[in-house]
Amino acid sequence: MKIMLGLRKHHYVSRVSIFLIAVTLIAGMAGCGSGGGGDGKPESIAMVAAGSSHTVGLKSDGTVVALGFNGDGQCDVGRWTDITQVAAGYWHTVGLKTDGTVVATGYWQPDVGNWTNIIQVAAGWYNTVGLKNDGTVVALGQNWDGQCYVGGWTDTVQVAAGWYHTVGLTTDGTAVTVGENEDKQCEVGSWTDITQVAAGFSHTVGLTTDGTVVATGLEVELARWNLVLALPPQRVLFISSTAGGSVITPGEGTFTYAPGTVVNVVAKPDEGYRFVDWTRDVDTIGDVNVAATNITMDDHYCVTASFATDDAGDVGIKAGDWIKKVTPWLWTLAKAVARLLDFLDLSSPLT
């Protein structure tokens, strides 16, 4: 029965895809979507994403354009601003803003407007996944197969969303998955030394530090290329920040380096904030207490720049604590002085 359901589902998706291709061609000729370039000038695109039947482009100025099938509003991105990353699901589009919040449009979209401190987004069938700067993961949307059960994930550095499953890459180079496993797309427990993950309709792919590829799921034989790149084993560095600032060198996200590479990192506080220290894998950091320091890539590392309100605020807090501590002594002293004045009767007029 399970096999029959799986075949019916794949047959259904194939028929729907053929139908959408036809609709997309008609819609494209009709000018469907929010594509720019009406003045004849090419768009300055910094990133692209592709859904089932629509294409999304992130422009260098933080705005977004989209073209293709728009029957559910997945191309209605014309008002988006300050976007740093885009992701495209089956019939929806997701954007990550510079302040760590998320916007989404399209079919069956949950309210992701209250998400904060997000550093990466991924889009699946009808679900959206967000990676937070503390390594935890959030997910909302269609959850028929448990693809949104990511609440217990920690130390995550990248997420990917398939149609019915979600994949996470952890700081130690292993992978985790939740969701449908009918085609063994979630069997990644033996994977190690992974630097990047990707998820398809019913398969999962991982890139290892030595340049080879591992894969599991329905299309595993197509995805298992085992290409050995002419590169030394790579070390992964994941960088994030708390609210109140950002890491400007080399940036935030996931980076790969050859073993032994010395990486300069620079954190910059926002106005009204100050840099506090570097946290997480601090043993590799040259000086955790300075904003501009370096990391020697002897292993896979994950670091976070921490910020706090400026010194004036801390001084106020410290002063408040000091007052709380000395007030009882001052009150005792005042009562003693009052008793002494009563004893000496100094409050009476002099004669």
Protein backbone atom coordinates (compact mmCIF):
# COMPACT_ATOMS: atom_id res chain seq x y z
CA MET A 1 0.00 0.00 0.00
CA LYS A 2 2.85 2.38 0.90
CA ILE A 3 4.54 1.73 -2.44
CA MET A 4 1.29 2.41 -4.29
CA LEU A 5 0.82 5.70 -2.40
CA GLY A 6 4.38 6.70 -3.25
CA LEU A 7 3.87 5.93 -6.93
CA ARG A 8 0.60 7.84 -6.96
CA LYS A 9 2.29 10.83 -5.33
CA HIS A 10 5.15 10.89 -7.85
CA HIS A 11 2.65 10.44 -10.70
CA TYR A 12 0.55 13.29 -9.35
CA VAL A 13 3.56 15.60 -9.04
CA SER A 14 4.63 14.78 -12.60
CA ARG A 15 1.19 15.62 -13.97
CA VAL A 16 1.05 18.84 -11.95
CA SER A 17 4.55 19.82 -13.13
CA ILE A 18 3.58 19.32 -16.78
CA PHE A 19 0.48 21.43 -16.25
CA LEU A 20 2.48 24.20 -14.54
CA ILE A 21 5.06 24.27 -17.30
CA ALA A 22 2.29 24.98 -19.78
CA VAL A 23 0.81 27.65 -17.50
CA THR A 24 4.25 29.20 -17.00
CA LEU A 25 4.82 29.53 -20.73
CA ILE A 26 1.47 31.27 -21.15
CA ALA A 27 2.03 33.47 -18.08
CA GLY A 28 5.54 34.34 -19.21
CA MET A 29 4.26 35.56 -22.54
CA ALA A 30 1.69 37.64 -20.69
CA GLY A 31 4.33 39.31 -18.55
CA CYS A 32 3.48 37.44 -15.34
CA GLY A 33 5.55 38.30 -12.26
CA SER A 34 7.47 41.27 -10.96
CA GLY A 35 10.53 41.27 -13.19
CA GLY A 36 12.33 44.55 -13.70
CA GLY A 37 14.43 45.90 -16.48
CA GLY A 38 11.59 47.79 -18.15
CA ASP A 39 14.07 50.48 -19.22
CA GLY A 40 15.99 47.94 -21.26
CA LYS A 41 18.92 47.82 -18.84
CA PRO A 42 19.99 44.44 -17.41
CA GLU A 43 19.28 43.74 -13.74
CA SER A 44 22.22 43.70 -11.31
CA ILE A 45 21.52 40.31 -9.72
CA ALA A 46 23.50 39.06 -6.72
CA MET A 47 21.64 35.78 -6.05
CA VAL A 48 19.02 33.57 -7.70
CA ALA A 49 16.58 30.90 -6.56
CA ALA A 50 14.21 28.62 -8.47
CA GLY A 51 10.86 27.21 -7.38
CA SER A 52 8.60 24.78 -9.19
CA SER A 53 7.59 27.23 -11.91
CA HIS A 54 9.01 30.61 -10.91
CA THR A 55 12.43 32.26 -10.70
CA VAL A 56 13.58 34.77 -8.10
CA GLY A 57 16.46 37.23 -8.28
CA LEU A 58 18.04 39.22 -5.44
CA LYS A 59 19.43 42.52 -6.68
CA SER A 60 22.58 44.13 -5.35
CA ASP A 61 20.54 46.95 -3.79
CA GLY A 62 18.57 44.53 -1.60
CA THR A 63 15.39 44.51 -3.68
CA VAL A 64 13.93 41.40 -5.32
CA VAL A 65 12.51 40.52 -8.73
CA ALA A 66 10.58 37.41 -9.79
CA LEU A 67 9.13 35.90 -12.96
CA GLY A 68 7.05 32.85 -13.80
CA PHE A 69 3.81 31.30 -12.57
CA ASN A 70 2.16 33.70 -10.11
CA GLY A 71 -1.19 32.08 -9.47
CA ASP A 72 -0.58 32.10 -5.70
CA GLY A 73 1.34 35.38 -5.41
CA GLN A 74 4.79 33.75 -5.27
CA CYS A 75 6.13 36.50 -7.54
CA ASP A 76 4.70 39.41 -5.52
CA VAL A 77 8.08 40.59 -4.21
CA GLY A 78 8.14 44.07 -5.72
CA ARG A 79 7.97 45.84 -2.35
CA TRP A 80 10.67 43.85 -0.60
CA THR A 81 13.72 45.82 0.52
CA ASP A 82 16.89 45.21 2.56
CA ILE A 83 16.98 41.55 1.50
CA THR A 84 20.22 39.54 1.85
CA GLN A 85 19.06 36.09 0.73
CA VAL A 86 16.16 34.55 -1.19
CA ALA A 87 14.76 31.01 -1.33
CA ALA A 88 12.06 29.55 -3.53
CA GLY A 89 9.71 26.72 -2.59
CA TYR A 90 7.21 24.88 -4.74
CA TRP A 91 4.67 27.72 -4.81
CA HIS A 92 6.15 30.32 -2.45
CA THR A 93 9.10 32.68 -2.07
CA VAL A 94 11.06 33.60 1.07
CA GLY A 95 13.38 36.54 1.75
CA LEU A 96 15.87 37.12 4.58
CA LYS A 97 16.28 40.76 5.62
CA THR A 98 19.40 42.49 6.89
CA ASP A 99 17.94 42.76 10.41
CA GLY A 100 17.50 38.98 10.68
CA THR A 101 13.74 38.95 10.07
CA VAL A 102 11.97 37.05 7.29
CA VAL A 103 9.31 37.83 4.68
CA ALA A 104 7.37 35.34 2.57
CA THR A 105 4.73 35.31 -0.15
CA GLY A 106 2.82 32.63 -2.01
CA TYR A 107 0.62 29.63 -1.32
CA TRP A 108 0.03 28.25 2.19
CA GLN A 109 2.51 30.56 3.87
CA PRO A 110 2.71 30.64 7.68
CA ASP A 111 3.40 33.80 9.63
CA VAL A 112 7.19 34.06 9.72
CA GLY A 113 7.00 37.76 10.57
CA ASN A 114 7.92 37.14 14.21
CA TRP A 115 11.14 35.28 13.40
CA THR A 116 14.29 37.09 14.56
CA ASN A 117 18.05 36.52 14.46
CA ILE A 118 17.77 34.43 11.28
CA ILE A 119 20.93 34.04 9.19
CA GLN A 120 19.74 31.60 6.48
CA VAL A 121 16.41 30.50 5.02
CA ALA A 122 15.30 27.50 2.98
CA ALA A 123 12.00 26.71 1.28
CA GLY A 124 10.43 23.30 0.69
CA TRP A 125 7.08 22.09 -0.67
CA TYR A 126 4.85 24.29 1.49
CA ASN A 127 7.20 24.84 4.42
CA THR A 128 9.84 27.40 5.34
CA VAL A 129 12.98 26.77 7.42
CA GLY A 130 15.12 29.36 9.22
CA LEU A 131 18.59 28.99 10.74
CA LYS A 132 19.19 31.25 13.76
CA ASN A 133 22.49 32.82 14.74
CA ASP A 134 22.76 30.59 17.82
CA GLY A 135 22.72 27.41 15.72
CA THR A 136 19.11 26.48 16.42
CA VAL A 137 16.49 26.04 13.70
CA VAL A 138 12.83 27.05 13.27
CA ALA A 139 10.32 25.83 10.70
CA LEU A 140 6.69 26.53 9.82
CA GLY A 141 4.22 25.39 7.20
CA GLN A 142 2.98 22.08 5.87
CA ASN A 143 4.13 19.33 8.26
CA TRP A 144 2.42 16.17 7.00
CA ASP A 145 5.64 14.16 7.16
CA GLY A 146 7.29 15.89 10.14
CA GLN A 147 9.58 18.07 8.05
CA CYS A 148 9.08 20.95 10.50
CA TYR A 149 10.16 19.01 13.60
CA VAL A 150 13.50 20.81 13.93
CA GLY A 151 13.00 22.30 17.39
CA GLY A 152 15.70 20.15 18.97
CA TRP A 153 18.43 20.94 16.47
CA THR A 154 21.52 22.73 17.82
CA ASP A 155 24.97 23.66 16.50
CA THR A 156 23.55 23.91 13.00
CA VAL A 157 25.45 25.86 10.34
CA GLN A 158 23.29 25.28 7.23
CA VAL A 159 19.79 24.09 6.39
CA ALA A 160 18.22 22.72 3.21
CA ALA A 161 14.61 21.90 2.44
CA GLY A 162 13.42 19.12 0.16
CA TRP A 163 9.81 18.60 -0.84
CA TYR A 164 8.95 16.51 2.19
CA HIS A 165 12.12 16.50 4.30
CA THR A 166 14.52 18.97 5.93
CA VAL A 167 18.30 18.63 6.23
CA GLY A 168 20.72 20.31 8.62
CA LEU A 169 24.53 20.51 8.61
CA THR A 170 26.12 20.65 12.08
CA THR A 171 29.37 22.19 13.29
CA ASP A 172 31.08 18.78 13.55
CA GLY A 173 30.53 18.01 9.86
CA THR A 174 27.64 15.58 10.32
CA ALA A 175 24.10 15.90 8.99
CA VAL A 176 20.64 15.58 10.53
CA THR A 177 17.28 15.11 8.82
CA VAL A 178 13.56 15.03 9.58
CA GLY A 179 10.56 14.27 7.41
CA GLU A 180 9.57 11.60 4.90
CA ASN A 181 12.02 8.74 4.48
CA GLU A 182 10.12 6.60 1.98
CA ASP A 183 13.01 6.72 -0.47
CA LYS A 184 15.73 6.71 2.23
CA GLN A 185 16.39 10.41 1.71
CA CYS A 186 16.87 10.86 5.46
CA GLU A 187 19.50 8.15 5.96
CA VAL A 188 22.50 10.42 6.53
CA GLY A 189 23.56 9.12 9.94
CA SER A 190 26.87 7.76 8.67
CA TRP A 191 27.94 10.94 6.90
CA THR A 192 31.04 12.74 8.22
CA ASP A 193 33.27 15.65 7.17
CA ILE A 194 30.38 17.33 5.36
CA THR A 195 30.77 20.98 4.33
CA GLN A 196 27.48 21.56 2.49
CA VAL A 197 24.10 19.85 2.12
CA ALA A 198 21.35 20.07 -0.48
CA ALA A 199 17.89 18.50 -0.69
CA GLY A 200 15.83 17.53 -3.72
CA PHE A 201 12.37 16.07 -4.17
CA SER A 202 13.26 12.68 -2.67
CA HIS A 203 17.03 12.69 -2.23
CA THR A 204 19.75 14.36 -0.17
CA VAL A 205 23.28 15.31 -1.24
CA GLY A 206 26.35 16.19 0.82
CA LEU A 207 29.71 17.67 -0.18
CA THR A 208 32.66 16.41 1.88
CA THR A 209 35.89 18.15 2.83
CA ASP A 210 37.91 16.11 0.32
CA GLY A 211 35.70 17.19 -2.59
CA THR A 212 33.72 13.97 -2.95
CA VAL A 213 29.94 13.79 -2.96
CA VAL A 214 27.66 11.54 -0.92
CA ALA A 215 23.98 11.06 -1.60
CA THR A 216 20.97 9.08 -0.48
CA GLY A 217 17.40 8.75 -1.72
CA LEU A 218 15.44 8.17 -4.90
CA GLU A 219 17.98 9.73 -7.31
CA VAL A 220 21.06 8.59 -5.42
CA GLU A 221 22.80 7.06 -8.44
CA LEU A 222 22.37 10.28 -10.39
CA ALA A 223 23.73 12.38 -7.55
CA ARG A 224 26.65 10.21 -6.38
CA TRP A 225 29.29 11.65 -8.67
CA ASN A 226 32.23 11.13 -6.32
CA LEU A 227 34.14 13.89 -8.03
CA VAL A 228 37.51 14.45 -6.39
CA LEU A 229 38.43 18.10 -6.70
CA ALA A 230 42.00 19.24 -7.05
CA LEU A 231 41.84 20.86 -3.64
CA PRO A 232 43.25 19.97 -0.21
CA PRO A 233 40.76 18.94 2.50
CA GLN A 234 38.77 21.97 3.54
CA ARG A 235 37.98 23.36 6.98
CA VAL A 236 34.61 24.99 7.61
CA LEU A 237 34.20 28.26 9.54
CA PHE A 238 30.70 29.37 10.53
CA ILE A 239 30.40 33.00 11.71
CA SER A 240 27.39 34.71 13.28
CA SER A 241 26.61 37.62 15.61
CA THR A 242 24.15 38.64 18.28
CA ALA A 243 21.89 41.67 18.02
CA GLY A 244 23.72 45.01 18.12
CA GLY A 245 26.37 44.49 15.45
CA SER A 246 27.77 42.31 12.70
CA VAL A 247 30.93 40.62 11.47
CA ILE A 248 32.19 42.64 8.51
CA THR A 249 35.32 40.56 7.75
CA PRO A 250 35.03 38.03 6.22
CA GLY A 251 31.28 38.37 6.76
CA GLU A 252 28.67 36.08 8.29
CA GLY A 253 27.69 32.59 7.18
CA THR A 254 29.70 29.52 6.17
CA PHE A 255 33.24 29.76 4.77
CA THR A 256 35.76 27.08 3.75
CA TYR A 257 39.55 27.31 4.03
CA ALA A 258 42.56 25.10 3.58
CA PRO A 259 43.91 23.62 6.84
CA GLY A 260 46.19 26.00 8.70
CA THR A 261 44.83 29.13 7.05
CA VAL A 262 44.88 32.19 9.34
CA VAL A 263 41.58 34.01 8.89
CA ASN A 264 41.18 37.63 9.96
CA VAL A 265 37.81 38.37 11.57
CA VAL A 266 36.48 41.83 12.36
CA ALA A 267 33.30 42.61 14.29
CA LYS A 268 31.62 46.02 14.13
CA PRO A 269 29.00 47.23 16.65
CA ASP A 270 25.95 49.23 15.64
CA GLU A 271 25.37 52.73 16.98
CA GLY A 272 24.61 52.57 20.70
CA TYR A 273 26.28 49.17 21.10
CA ARG A 274 29.78 47.92 21.85
CA PHE A 275 31.65 44.71 21.10
CA VAL A 276 31.86 42.35 24.11
CA ASP A 277 33.71 39.19 23.04
CA TRP A 278 33.81 36.17 20.75
CA THR A 279 31.96 33.04 21.93
CA ARG A 280 31.48 29.33 21.03
CA ASP A 281 34.75 27.78 19.70
CA VAL A 282 36.89 30.35 21.49
CA ASP A 283 40.03 28.21 21.86
CA THR A 284 40.95 28.89 18.25
CA ILE A 285 40.57 32.70 18.46
CA GLY A 286 43.69 34.82 18.87
CA ASP A 287 42.07 37.18 21.39
CA VAL A 288 38.41 36.73 22.31
CA ASN A 289 38.17 40.21 23.84
CA VAL A 290 39.02 42.31 20.79
CA ALA A 291 36.80 42.96 17.78
CA ALA A 292 39.62 42.50 15.23
CA THR A 293 41.42 39.19 15.72
CA ASN A 294 42.22 35.99 13.81
CA ILE A 295 41.40 32.30 13.69
CA THR A 296 43.76 29.50 12.64
CA MET A 297 41.79 26.89 10.71
CA ASP A 298 43.08 23.64 12.21
CA ASP A 299 39.54 22.18 12.40
CA HIS A 300 35.89 23.05 11.77
CA TYR A 301 34.91 26.03 13.91
CA CYS A 302 31.84 28.03 14.82
CA VAL A 303 32.22 31.52 16.35
CA THR A 304 29.79 34.26 17.35
CA ALA A 305 30.49 37.97 17.92
CA SER A 306 28.65 39.22 21.00
CA PHE A 307 27.49 42.80 21.46
CA ALA A 308 25.89 44.77 24.30
CA THR A 309 24.59 48.27 24.85
CA ASP A 310 27.28 50.92 25.08
CA ASP A 311 29.35 51.71 28.18
CA ALA A 312 27.00 54.46 29.34
CA GLY A 313 24.27 51.92 29.88
CA ASP A 314 26.63 49.59 31.75
CA VAL A 315 27.84 52.43 33.94
CA GLY A 316 24.24 53.22 34.82
CA ILE A 317 23.62 49.63 35.77
CA LYS A 318 26.77 49.48 37.85
CA ALA A 319 25.88 52.75 39.56
CA GLY A 320 22.43 51.43 40.31
CA ASP A 321 23.90 48.29 41.84
CA TRP A 322 26.28 50.40 43.95
CA ILE A 323 23.41 52.55 45.25
CA LYS A 324 21.46 49.44 46.22
CA LYS A 325 24.45 48.19 48.18
CA VAL A 326 25.29 51.43 50.05
CA THR A 327 21.73 52.64 50.71
CA PRO A 328 21.26 50.50 53.87
CA TRP A 329 24.53 51.84 55.29
CA LEU A 330 23.57 55.42 54.45
CA TRP A 331 20.18 54.94 56.10
CA THR A 332 21.81 53.54 59.24
CA LEU A 333 24.25 56.47 59.31
CA ALA A 334 21.42 59.01 58.87
CA LYS A 335 19.47 57.52 61.78
CA ALA A 336 22.60 57.63 63.96
CA VAL A 337 23.18 61.30 63.11
CA ALA A 338 19.53 62.11 63.89
CA ARG A 339 19.81 60.47 67.29
CA LEU A 340 23.02 62.38 68.00
CA LEU A 341 21.30 65.67 67.10
CA ASP A 342 18.41 64.84 69.42
CA PHE A 343 20.86 64.04 72.18
CA LEU A 344 22.74 67.30 71.72
CA ASP A 345 19.47 69.15 71.12
CA LEU A 346 21.17 71.02 68.26
CA SER A 347 17.86 71.62 66.60
CA SER A 348 16.85 74.19 69.26
CA PRO A 349 17.62 77.91 68.61
CA LEU A 350 20.86 79.16 70.12
CA THR A 351 20.51 81.38 73.19
